[in-house]
C-alpha atoms as a PDB file:
ATOM      1  CA  MET A   1     -50.860 -32.892 -64.733  1.00  0.00           C
ATOM      2  CA  THR A   2     -48.838 -34.564 -62.071  1.00  0.00           C
ATOM      3  CA  VAL A   3     -45.887 -32.805 -60.518  1.00  0.00           C
ATOM      4  CA  LEU A   4     -43.282 -35.111 -59.205  1.00  0.00           C
ATOM      5  CA  THR A   5     -41.326 -33.885 -56.216  1.00  0.00           C
ATOM      6  CA  THR A   6     -38.233 -35.455 -54.886  1.00  0.00           C
ATOM      7  CA  VAL A   7     -37.647 -35.530 -51.181  1.00  0.00           C
ATOM      8  CA  ARG A   8     -34.036 -35.184 -50.290  1.00  0.00           C
ATOM      9  CA  PRO A   9     -32.904 -37.082 -47.282  1.00  0.00           C
ATOM     10  CA  ALA A  10     -31.968 -34.937 -44.304  1.00  0.00           C
ATOM     11  CA  VAL A  11     -28.279 -34.309 -44.100  1.00  0.00           C
ATOM     12  CA  ARG A  12     -26.944 -35.277 -40.741  1.00  0.00           C
ATOM     13  CA  GLU A  13     -24.052 -33.390 -39.301  1.00  0.00           C
ATOM     14  CA  ALA A  14     -21.020 -35.414 -38.538  1.00  0.00           C
ATOM     15  CA  PRO A  15     -20.636 -35.932 -34.812  1.00  0.00           C
ATOM     16  CA  LEU A  16     -17.953 -33.881 -33.197  1.00  0.00           C
ATOM     17  CA  PRO A  17     -14.864 -35.695 -32.031  1.00  0.00           C
ATOM     18  CA  PRO A  18     -14.530 -36.183 -28.282  1.00  0.00           C
ATOM     19  CA  ALA A  19     -11.814 -33.543 -28.013  1.00  0.00           C
ATOM     20  CA  ALA A  20     -14.015 -30.907 -29.690  1.00  0.00           C
ATOM     21  CA  ARG A  21     -16.991 -31.767 -27.448  1.00  0.00           C
ATOM     22  CA  THR A  22     -14.787 -31.489 -24.392  1.00  0.00           C
ATOM     23  CA  ALA A  23     -13.457 -28.115 -25.560  1.00  0.00           C
ATOM     24  CA  ARG A  24     -17.007 -26.847 -26.192  1.00  0.00           C
ATOM     25  CA  ARG A  25     -18.192 -27.925 -22.747  1.00  0.00           C
ATOM     26  CA  ARG A  26     -15.140 -26.358 -21.176  1.00  0.00           C
ATOM     27  CA  ALA A  27     -15.761 -23.087 -23.024  1.00  0.00           C
ATOM     28  CA  ALA A  28     -19.414 -23.101 -21.920  1.00  0.00           C
ATOM     29  CA  GLY A  29     -18.365 -23.744 -18.324  1.00  0.00           C
ATOM     30  CA  LEU A  30     -15.833 -20.907 -18.428  1.00  0.00           C
ATOM     31  CA  GLY A  31     -18.510 -18.630 -19.849  1.00  0.00           C
ATOM     32  CA  VAL A  32     -20.849 -19.432 -16.981  1.00  0.00           C
ATOM     33  CA  VAL A  33     -18.046 -18.814 -14.469  1.00  0.00           C
ATOM     34  CA  ALA A  34     -17.220 -15.483 -16.136  1.00  0.00           C
ATOM     35  CA  TRP A  35     -20.862 -14.364 -16.009  1.00  0.00           C
ATOM     36  CA  CYS A  36     -21.134 -15.347 -12.342  1.00  0.00           C
ATOM     37  CA  ALA A  37     -17.915 -13.473 -11.518  1.00  0.00           C
ATOM     38  CA  GLY A  38     -19.128 -10.385 -13.388  1.00  0.00           C
ATOM     39  CA  ILE A  39     -22.459 -10.421 -11.575  1.00  0.00           C
ATOM     40  CA  ALA A  40     -20.686 -10.914  -8.235  1.00  0.00           C
ATOM     41  CA  PHE A  41     -18.494  -7.860  -8.906  1.00  0.00           C
ATOM     42  CA  CYS A  42     -21.472  -5.740 -10.006  1.00  0.00           C
ATOM     43  CA  LEU A  43     -23.746  -6.660  -7.099  1.00  0.00           C
ATOM     44  CA  PRO A  44     -22.050  -4.400  -4.485  1.00  0.00           C
ATOM     45  CA  VAL A  45     -22.208  -1.448  -6.865  1.00  0.00           C
ATOM     46  CA  ALA A  46     -25.862  -2.113  -7.669  1.00  0.00           C
ATOM     47  CA  TRP A  47     -26.578  -2.481  -3.955  1.00  0.00           C
ATOM     48  CA  MET A  48     -24.876   0.864  -3.254  1.00  0.00           C
ATOM     49  CA  VAL A  49     -26.906   2.616  -5.956  1.00  0.00           C
ATOM     50  CA  LEU A  50     -30.147   1.076  -4.666  1.00  0.00           C
ATOM     51  CA  THR A  51     -29.362   2.051  -1.063  1.00  0.00           C
ATOM     52  CA  SER A  52     -28.627   5.614  -2.142  1.00  0.00           C
ATOM     53  CA  LEU A  53     -32.194   5.839  -3.489  1.00  0.00           C
ATOM     54  CA  HIS A  54     -33.768   4.824  -0.170  1.00  0.00           C
ATOM     55  CA  SER A  55     -34.626   6.936   2.834  1.00  0.00           C
ATOM     56  CA  GLU A  56     -32.463   6.664   5.932  1.00  0.00           C
ATOM     57  CA  PRO A  57     -34.960   4.454   7.873  1.00  0.00           C
ATOM     58  CA  ASP A  58     -35.351   2.089   4.910  1.00  0.00           C
ATOM     59  CA  ALA A  59     -31.594   1.973   4.311  1.00  0.00           C
ATOM     60  CA  ALA A  60     -30.939   1.045   7.941  1.00  0.00           C
ATOM     61  CA  THR A  61     -33.383  -1.858   8.115  1.00  0.00           C
ATOM     62  CA  ASN A  62     -32.049  -5.330   8.817  1.00  0.00           C
ATOM     63  CA  PRO A  63     -32.676  -7.346   6.703  1.00  0.00           C
ATOM     64  CA  PRO A  64     -32.618  -4.712   3.948  1.00  0.00           C
ATOM     65  CA  SER A  65     -35.894  -3.706   2.424  1.00  0.00           C
ATOM     66  CA  LEU A  66     -35.624  -4.202  -1.327  1.00  0.00           C
ATOM     67  CA  GLY A  67     -39.154  -3.012  -2.121  1.00  0.00           C
ATOM     68  CA  ALA A  68     -38.915   0.290  -0.231  1.00  0.00           C
ATOM     69  CA  ALA A  69     -39.967   3.513  -1.892  1.00  0.00           C
ATOM     70  CA  LEU A  70     -37.294   5.263  -3.936  1.00  0.00           C
ATOM     71  CA  THR A  71     -36.306   8.836  -3.201  1.00  0.00           C
ATOM     72  CA  LEU A  72     -33.552  11.325  -4.053  1.00  0.00           C
ATOM     73  CA  ASP A  73     -33.291  12.704  -0.536  1.00  0.00           C
ATOM     74  CA  GLY A  74     -29.813  11.216  -0.091  1.00  0.00           C
ATOM     75  CA  TYR A  75     -28.487  13.106  -3.112  1.00  0.00           C
ATOM     76  CA  ARG A  76     -30.221  16.323  -2.119  1.00  0.00           C
ATOM     77  CA  LYS A  77     -28.734  16.144   1.363  1.00  0.00           C
ATOM     78  CA  PHE A  78     -25.322  15.336  -0.059  1.00  0.00           C
ATOM     79  CA  PHE A  79     -25.376  18.496  -2.157  1.00  0.00           C
ATOM     80  CA  GLY A  80     -26.367  20.566   0.884  1.00  0.00           C
ATOM     81  CA  ALA A  81     -30.098  20.970   0.257  1.00  0.00           C
ATOM     82  CA  ASP A  82     -30.843  20.896   4.021  1.00  0.00           C
ATOM     83  CA  GLY A  83     -28.053  23.206   5.054  1.00  0.00           C
ATOM     84  CA  GLY A  84     -25.352  20.518   5.167  1.00  0.00           C
ATOM     85  CA  ALA A  85     -21.729  20.847   4.154  1.00  0.00           C
ATOM     86  CA  ASP A  86     -21.036  21.865   0.561  1.00  0.00           C
ATOM     87  CA  PRO A  87     -19.293  18.996  -1.295  1.00  0.00           C
ATOM     88  CA  TRP A  88     -18.117  21.052  -4.270  1.00  0.00           C
ATOM     89  CA  PRO A  89     -14.855  22.359  -2.711  1.00  0.00           C
ATOM     90  CA  SER A  90     -13.833  18.790  -1.862  1.00  0.00           C
ATOM     91  CA  LEU A  91     -14.717  17.527  -5.344  1.00  0.00           C
ATOM     92  CA  ILE A  92     -12.788  20.392  -6.943  1.00  0.00           C
ATOM     93  CA  ASN A  93      -9.778  19.670  -4.724  1.00  0.00           C
ATOM     94  CA  SER A  94      -9.814  16.003  -5.717  1.00  0.00           C
ATOM     95  CA  ALA A  95     -10.099  16.904  -9.396  1.00  0.00           C
ATOM     96  CA  THR A  96      -7.254  19.427  -9.115  1.00  0.00           C
ATOM     97  CA  ALA A  97      -4.924  17.047  -7.294  1.00  0.00           C
ATOM     98  CA  SER A  98      -5.720  14.092  -9.562  1.00  0.00           C
ATOM     99  CA  LEU A  99      -5.568  15.891 -12.915  1.00  0.00           C
ATOM    100  CA  CYS A 100      -2.490  17.979 -12.128  1.00  0.00           C
ATOM    101  CA  SER A 101      -0.554  15.051 -10.667  1.00  0.00           C
ATOM    102  CA  THR A 102      -1.487  12.808 -13.608  1.00  0.00           C
ATOM    103  CA  ALA A 103      -0.319  15.450 -16.094  1.00  0.00           C
ATOM    104  CA  LEU A 104       2.974  15.865 -14.235  1.00  0.00           C
ATOM    105  CA  VAL A 105       3.454  12.099 -14.057  1.00  0.00           C
ATOM    106  CA  LEU A 106       3.042  11.748 -17.824  1.00  0.00           C
ATOM    107  CA  LEU A 107       5.382  14.668 -18.530  1.00  0.00           C
ATOM    108  CA  LEU A 108       8.085  13.106 -16.357  1.00  0.00           C
ATOM    109  CA  ALA A 109       7.465   9.427 -17.089  1.00  0.00           C
ATOM    110  CA  LEU A 110       7.411   9.645 -20.889  1.00  0.00           C
ATOM    111  CA  PRO A 111      11.021  10.897 -21.288  1.00  0.00           C
ATOM    112  CA  ALA A 112      12.197   8.480 -18.590  1.00  0.00           C
ATOM    113  CA  ALA A 113      10.487   5.531 -20.296  1.00  0.00           C
ATOM    114  CA  TYR A 114      11.929   6.687 -23.635  1.00  0.00           C
ATOM    115  CA  ALA A 115      15.434   6.629 -22.139  1.00  0.00           C
ATOM    116  CA  LEU A 116      14.880   3.168 -20.640  1.00  0.00           C
ATOM    117  CA  SER A 117      13.324   1.518 -23.707  1.00  0.00           C
ATOM    118  CA  ILE A 118      14.196   3.182 -27.011  1.00  0.00           C
ATOM    119  CA  ARG A 119      17.522   4.632 -25.878  1.00  0.00           C
ATOM    120  CA  PRO A 120      18.345   2.271 -23.008  1.00  0.00           C
ATOM    121  CA  VAL A 121      20.923   3.357 -20.458  1.00  0.00           C
ATOM    122  CA  ARG A 122      23.468   1.019 -18.902  1.00  0.00           C
ATOM    123  CA  LYS A 123      22.008  -1.411 -16.387  1.00  0.00           C
ATOM    124  CA  TRP A 124      18.492  -0.248 -17.168  1.00  0.00           C
ATOM    125  CA  THR A 125      17.029  -3.296 -15.418  1.00  0.00           C
ATOM    126  CA  ASP A 126      18.578  -2.088 -12.148  1.00  0.00           C
ATOM    127  CA  VAL A 127      16.981   1.303 -12.718  1.00  0.00           C
ATOM    128  CA  MET A 128      13.581  -0.298 -13.284  1.00  0.00           C
ATOM    129  CA  PHE A 129      13.942  -2.358 -10.120  1.00  0.00           C
ATOM    130  CA  PHE A 130      14.833   0.790  -8.176  1.00  0.00           C
ATOM    131  CA  PHE A 131      11.681   2.496  -9.454  1.00  0.00           C
ATOM    132  CA  LEU A 132       9.561  -0.471  -8.453  1.00  0.00           C
ATOM    133  CA  SER A 133      11.256  -0.831  -5.051  1.00  0.00           C
ATOM    134  CA  THR A 134      10.017   2.619  -4.055  1.00  0.00           C
ATOM    135  CA  LYS A 135       6.477   1.185  -4.027  1.00  0.00           C
ATOM    136  CA  MET A 136       7.490  -1.461  -1.478  1.00  0.00           C
ATOM    137  CA  LEU A 137       7.708   1.040   1.389  1.00  0.00           C
ATOM    138  CA  PRO A 138       4.479   1.103   3.419  1.00  0.00           C
ATOM    139  CA  VAL A 139       2.733   4.432   3.118  1.00  0.00           C
ATOM    140  CA  VAL A 140       2.366   4.703   6.893  1.00  0.00           C
ATOM    141  CA  ALA A 141       6.156   4.494   7.314  1.00  0.00           C
ATOM    142  CA  GLY A 142       6.632   7.754   5.402  1.00  0.00           C
ATOM    143  CA  LEU A 143       3.662   9.565   6.880  1.00  0.00           C
ATOM    144  CA  LEU A 144       5.387  11.127   9.911  1.00  0.00           C
ATOM    145  CA  PRO A 145       8.459  12.476   8.045  1.00  0.00           C
ATOM    146  CA  ILE A 146       6.249  13.959   5.344  1.00  0.00           C
ATOM    147  CA  TYR A 147       3.974  15.523   7.951  1.00  0.00           C
ATOM    148  CA  LEU A 148       6.943  17.106   9.767  1.00  0.00           C
ATOM    149  CA  PHE A 149       8.353  18.393   6.485  1.00  0.00           C
ATOM    150  CA  ALA A 150       4.992  19.865   5.459  1.00  0.00           C
ATOM    151  CA  LYS A 151       4.568  21.473   8.882  1.00  0.00           C
ATOM    152  CA  ASN A 152       8.018  23.093   8.850  1.00  0.00           C
ATOM    153  CA  ALA A 153       7.538  24.238   5.259  1.00  0.00           C
ATOM    154  CA  GLY A 154       4.118  25.724   6.017  1.00  0.00           C
ATOM    155  CA  MET A 155       2.387  23.541   3.436  1.00  0.00           C
ATOM    156  CA  LEU A 156      -0.206  21.828   5.617  1.00  0.00           C
ATOM    157  CA  ASP A 157      -3.740  22.047   4.234  1.00  0.00           C
ATOM    158  CA  ASN A 158      -2.327  22.922   0.806  1.00  0.00           C
ATOM    159  CA  ILE A 159      -3.646  21.205  -2.302  1.00  0.00           C
ATOM    160  CA  TRP A 160      -0.311  21.576  -4.111  1.00  0.00           C
ATOM    161  CA  LEU A 161       1.368  19.451  -1.463  1.00  0.00           C
ATOM    162  CA  LEU A 162      -0.980  16.629  -2.465  1.00  0.00           C
ATOM    163  CA  VAL A 163      -0.136  17.236  -6.124  1.00  0.00           C
ATOM    164  CA  ILE A 164       3.572  16.773  -5.367  1.00  0.00           C
ATOM    165  CA  LEU A 165       2.939  13.685  -3.237  1.00  0.00           C
ATOM    166  CA  TYR A 166       0.637  12.025  -5.763  1.00  0.00           C
ATOM    167  CA  THR A 167       3.136  12.724  -8.541  1.00  0.00           C
ATOM    168  CA  SER A 168       5.980  11.105  -6.623  1.00  0.00           C
ATOM    169  CA  MET A 169       3.799   8.146  -5.620  1.00  0.00           C
ATOM    170  CA  ASN A 170       2.537   7.388  -9.142  1.00  0.00           C
ATOM    171  CA  LEU A 171       5.720   8.153 -11.079  1.00  0.00           C
ATOM    172  CA  PRO A 172       7.439   4.746 -10.528  1.00  0.00           C
ATOM    173  CA  ILE A 173       4.478   2.677 -11.699  1.00  0.00           C
ATOM    174  CA  ALA A 174       3.967   5.032 -14.667  1.00  0.00           C
ATOM    175  CA  VAL A 175       7.608   4.653 -15.783  1.00  0.00           C
ATOM    176  CA  TRP A 176       7.323   0.889 -15.388  1.00  0.00           C
ATOM    177  CA  MET A 177       4.188   0.698 -17.513  1.00  0.00           C
ATOM    178  CA  LEU A 178       5.289   3.134 -20.224  1.00  0.00           C
ATOM    179  CA  GLN A 179       8.649   1.428 -20.626  1.00  0.00           C
ATOM    180  CA  SER A 180       6.937  -1.780 -21.761  1.00  0.00           C
ATOM    181  CA  PHE A 181       4.734   0.126 -24.224  1.00  0.00           C
ATOM    182  CA  LEU A 182       7.505   2.274 -25.693  1.00  0.00           C
ATOM    183  CA  ALA A 183       9.675  -0.789 -26.277  1.00  0.00           C
ATOM    184  CA  ASP A 184       7.456  -1.588 -29.306  1.00  0.00           C
ATOM    185  CA  VAL A 185       7.948   1.792 -30.987  1.00  0.00           C
ATOM    186  CA  PRO A 186       9.947   1.212 -34.221  1.00  0.00           C
ATOM    187  CA  VAL A 187      13.404   2.732 -33.886  1.00  0.00           C
ATOM    188  CA  SER A 188      13.582   3.296 -37.649  1.00  0.00           C
ATOM    189  CA  ILE A 189      10.807   5.921 -37.462  1.00  0.00           C
ATOM    190  CA  ILE A 190      12.667   7.809 -34.749  1.00  0.00           C
ATOM    191  CA  GLU A 191      15.920   7.645 -36.698  1.00  0.00           C
ATOM    192  CA  ALA A 192      14.161   8.971 -39.812  1.00  0.00           C
ATOM    193  CA  ALA A 193      12.797  11.879 -37.781  1.00  0.00           C
ATOM    194  CA  GLN A 194      16.258  12.615 -36.399  1.00  0.00           C
ATOM    195  CA  VAL A 195      17.659  12.659 -39.928  1.00  0.00           C
ATOM    196  CA  ASP A 196      15.007  15.253 -40.817  1.00  0.00           C
ATOM    197  CA  GLY A 197      16.209  17.404 -37.914  1.00  0.00           C
ATOM    198  CA  ALA A 198      13.553  16.633 -35.299  1.00  0.00           C
ATOM    199  CA  ARG A 199      14.628  17.112 -31.704  1.00  0.00           C
ATOM    200  CA  LEU A 200      13.662  15.096 -28.673  1.00  0.00           C
ATOM    201  CA  PRO A 201      10.546  17.143 -27.674  1.00  0.00           C
ATOM    202  CA  THR A 202       9.220  16.900 -31.236  1.00  0.00           C
ATOM    203  CA  ILE A 203       9.932  13.162 -31.382  1.00  0.00           C
ATOM    204  CA  LEU A 204       8.143  12.546 -28.104  1.00  0.00           C
ATOM    205  CA  ALA A 205       5.120  14.710 -28.969  1.00  0.00           C
ATOM    206  CA  ARG A 206       4.583  13.842 -32.642  1.00  0.00           C
ATOM    207  CA  ILE A 207       5.976  10.328 -33.036  1.00  0.00           C
ATOM    208  CA  VAL A 208       6.247   8.433 -29.768  1.00  0.00           C
ATOM    209  CA  ALA A 209       3.067   9.733 -28.109  1.00  0.00           C
ATOM    210  CA  PRO A 210       0.657   8.902 -31.007  1.00  0.00           C
ATOM    211  CA  ILE A 211       2.103   5.409 -31.425  1.00  0.00           C
ATOM    212  CA  ALA A 212       2.005   4.666 -27.689  1.00  0.00           C
ATOM    213  CA  ALA A 213      -1.377   6.363 -27.154  1.00  0.00           C
ATOM    214  CA  PRO A 214      -3.125   3.210 -25.799  1.00  0.00           C
ATOM    215  CA  GLY A 215      -0.403   2.671 -23.221  1.00  0.00           C
ATOM    216  CA  ILE A 216      -0.387   6.342 -22.255  1.00  0.00           C
ATOM    217  CA  ALA A 217      -4.179   6.288 -21.827  1.00  0.00           C
ATOM    218  CA  ALA A 218      -4.034   3.191 -19.619  1.00  0.00           C
ATOM    219  CA  THR A 219      -1.223   4.672 -17.522  1.00  0.00           C
ATOM    220  CA  ALA A 220      -3.002   8.011 -17.162  1.00  0.00           C
ATOM    221  CA  LEU A 221      -6.258   6.394 -16.052  1.00  0.00           C
ATOM    222  CA  ILE A 222      -4.526   4.213 -13.456  1.00  0.00           C
ATOM    223  CA  CYS A 223      -2.634   7.211 -12.047  1.00  0.00           C
ATOM    224  CA  PHE A 224      -5.865   9.218 -11.961  1.00  0.00           C
ATOM    225  CA  ILE A 225      -7.677   6.455 -10.072  1.00  0.00           C
ATOM    226  CA  PHE A 226      -4.844   6.101  -7.549  1.00  0.00           C
ATOM    227  CA  SER A 227      -4.811   9.862  -6.931  1.00  0.00           C
ATOM    228  CA  TRP A 228      -8.595  10.188  -6.761  1.00  0.00           C
ATOM    229  CA  ASN A 229      -8.981   7.352  -4.240  1.00  0.00           C
ATOM    230  CA  GLU A 230      -6.032   8.222  -1.963  1.00  0.00           C
ATOM    231  CA  MET A 231      -7.202   9.110   1.532  1.00  0.00           C
ATOM    232  CA  LEU A 232      -4.431   8.566   4.108  1.00  0.00           C
ATOM    233  CA  PHE A 233      -2.214  11.513   3.157  1.00  0.00           C
ATOM    234  CA  ALA A 234      -5.242  13.674   2.406  1.00  0.00           C
ATOM    235  CA  ARG A 235      -6.708  12.858   5.822  1.00  0.00           C
ATOM    236  CA  VAL A 236      -3.533  13.717   7.746  1.00  0.00           C
ATOM    237  CA  LEU A 237      -2.113  16.603   5.692  1.00  0.00           C
ATOM    238  CA  THR A 238      -5.285  18.550   4.889  1.00  0.00           C
ATOM    239  CA  GLY A 239      -7.929  20.275   6.943  1.00  0.00           C
ATOM    240  CA  VAL A 240     -10.714  22.404   5.511  1.00  0.00           C
ATOM    241  CA  THR A 241      -9.140  24.262   2.597  1.00  0.00           C
ATOM    242  CA  ALA A 242      -7.557  21.296   0.782  1.00  0.00           C
ATOM    243  CA  GLN A 243      -9.963  18.548   1.896  1.00  0.00           C
ATOM    244  CA  THR A 244     -10.551  15.968  -0.836  1.00  0.00           C
ATOM    245  CA  ALA A 245     -13.633  13.933  -1.682  1.00  0.00           C
ATOM    246  CA  PRO A 246     -12.581  10.691   0.112  1.00  0.00           C
ATOM    247  CA  VAL A 247     -11.986  12.691   3.296  1.00  0.00           C
ATOM    248  CA  PHE A 248     -15.348  14.387   2.850  1.00  0.00           C
ATOM    249  CA  LEU A 249     -17.021  10.968   2.718  1.00  0.00           C
ATOM    250  CA  THR A 250     -15.786  10.122   6.209  1.00  0.00           C
ATOM    251  CA  GLY A 251     -17.899  12.977   7.550  1.00  0.00           C
ATOM    252  CA  PHE A 252     -21.020  10.850   7.144  1.00  0.00           C
ATOM    253  CA  VAL A 253     -19.793   8.503   9.889  1.00  0.00           C
ATOM    254  CA  THR A 254     -20.330  10.550  13.044  1.00  0.00           C
ATOM    255  CA  SER A 255     -21.002   9.986  16.719  1.00  0.00           C
ATOM    256  CA  GLN A 256     -24.693  10.486  15.952  1.00  0.00           C
ATOM    257  CA  GLY A 257     -24.731   7.386  13.777  1.00  0.00           C
ATOM    258  CA  LEU A 258     -24.110   6.182  10.255  1.00  0.00           C
ATOM    259  CA  PHE A 259     -26.071   8.016   7.566  1.00  0.00           C
ATOM    260  CA  LEU A 260     -26.089   5.084   5.184  1.00  0.00           C
ATOM    261  CA  ALA A 261     -28.267   6.518   2.411  1.00  0.00           C
ATOM    262  CA  GLN A 262     -26.294   9.756   2.264  1.00  0.00           C
ATOM    263  CA  LEU A 263     -23.026   7.847   2.368  1.00  0.00           C
ATOM    264  CA  CYS A 264     -24.074   5.643  -0.549  1.00  0.00           C
ATOM    265  CA  ALA A 265     -25.293   8.686  -2.492  1.00  0.00           C
ATOM    266  CA  ALA A 266     -21.966  10.419  -1.878  1.00  0.00           C
ATOM    267  CA  SER A 267     -20.063   7.291  -2.916  1.00  0.00           C
ATOM    268  CA  VAL A 268     -22.005   7.119  -6.181  1.00  0.00           C
ATOM    269  CA  VAL A 269     -21.275  10.775  -6.953  1.00  0.00           C
ATOM    270  CA  VAL A 270     -17.578  10.451  -6.085  1.00  0.00           C
ATOM    271  CA  SER A 271     -17.284   7.323  -8.273  1.00  0.00           C
ATOM    272  CA  LEU A 272     -18.792   8.989 -11.343  1.00  0.00           C
ATOM    273  CA  PRO A 273     -15.634  10.880 -12.515  1.00  0.00           C
ATOM    274  CA  VAL A 274     -13.587   7.681 -12.534  1.00  0.00           C
ATOM    275  CA  LEU A 275     -16.338   5.796 -14.387  1.00  0.00           C
ATOM    276  CA  ALA A 276     -16.696   8.648 -16.888  1.00  0.00           C
ATOM    277  CA  ALA A 277     -12.940   8.721 -17.526  1.00  0.00           C
ATOM    278  CA  GLY A 278     -12.835   4.958 -18.000  1.00  0.00           C
ATOM    279  CA  PHE A 279     -15.815   5.039 -20.363  1.00  0.00           C
ATOM    280  CA  ALA A 280     -14.308   7.881 -22.421  1.00  0.00           C
ATOM    281  CA  ALA A 281     -10.992   6.058 -22.849  1.00  0.00           C
ATOM    282  CA  GLN A 282     -12.312   2.497 -22.909  1.00  0.00           C
ATOM    283  CA  ASP A 283     -11.067   1.656 -26.420  1.00  0.00           C
ATOM    284  CA  LYS A 284      -7.520   2.807 -25.777  1.00  0.00           C
ATOM    285  CA  LEU A 285      -7.643   1.489 -22.216  1.00  0.00           C
ATOM    286  CA  VAL A 286      -8.552  -2.061 -23.259  1.00  0.00           C
ATOM    287  CA  GLN A 287      -5.954  -2.017 -26.022  1.00  0.00           C
ATOM    288  CA  GLY A 288      -3.269  -0.680 -23.710  1.00  0.00           C
ATOM    289  CA  LEU A 289      -3.968  -3.136 -20.908  1.00  0.00           C
ATOM    290  CA  SER A 290      -4.086  -6.017 -23.391  1.00  0.00           C
ATOM    291  CA  LEU A 291      -0.720  -5.048 -24.839  1.00  0.00           C
ATOM    292  CA  GLY A 292       0.687  -4.810 -21.347  1.00  0.00           C
ATOM    293  CA  ALA A 293      -0.673  -8.251 -20.514  1.00  0.00           C
ATOM    294  CA  VAL A 294       0.871  -9.767 -23.631  1.00  0.00           C
ATOM    295  CA  LYS A 295       4.217  -8.285 -22.760  1.00  0.00           C
END
């Protein structure tokens, strides 16, 4: 019995038009550029982590020794294993100043952004420009008056002074960001809640905040990062009691030399809270920043 089989000719795909081929090559080129940029941004962080796992002699070699033995001595010394300074008070001070100031910023910025977007006041654009203009003053220009005020008020080396300063520094940018997010909240929902008897605190907490959650998360994370990384005011206005983590890091640069491995280990530890906060809120953060970019 003979089985006849038919061989179908291979189907050739239609060639892409020149415009489509050009677009594909352009997209591939942009992808390569994006990967190179991402690797370039990650290399310093990877280098810092690798240096933190080396001993001090290996970390100080020039050129750097990539194949050196790995050790956790830098982290042990950072946490005071050899009788060094205890980093926990500084980390707690940074967390207190950053979290408290961020909470205060959101409590103050949300009603202000509500008034400027959903219930706009007269000449609200002038108000927004005034908020933004407060960020144009160099920080150094206000350092001496603030220091004299803190000295006369007896608030030097006080963590709550930093909370007040960080709140006032981050409030303008928070109002500016939240105003653009709250502008998309449907007014009809707020009017329906007002008809049902809801007051302003209830509207902000149960209606506006859930709808604008991505924008609030993005604003909160940015304010937290700004507060956590601030060093100039913390360096001048604090001493031992209210010393923050960035000020504590400067203690590894002494007249005896630069303790590079310990400094990199300390930098990794100090960076972890910001990375953890960004990872925890990454979905809302990306959505909020994307909405802000579209606006």
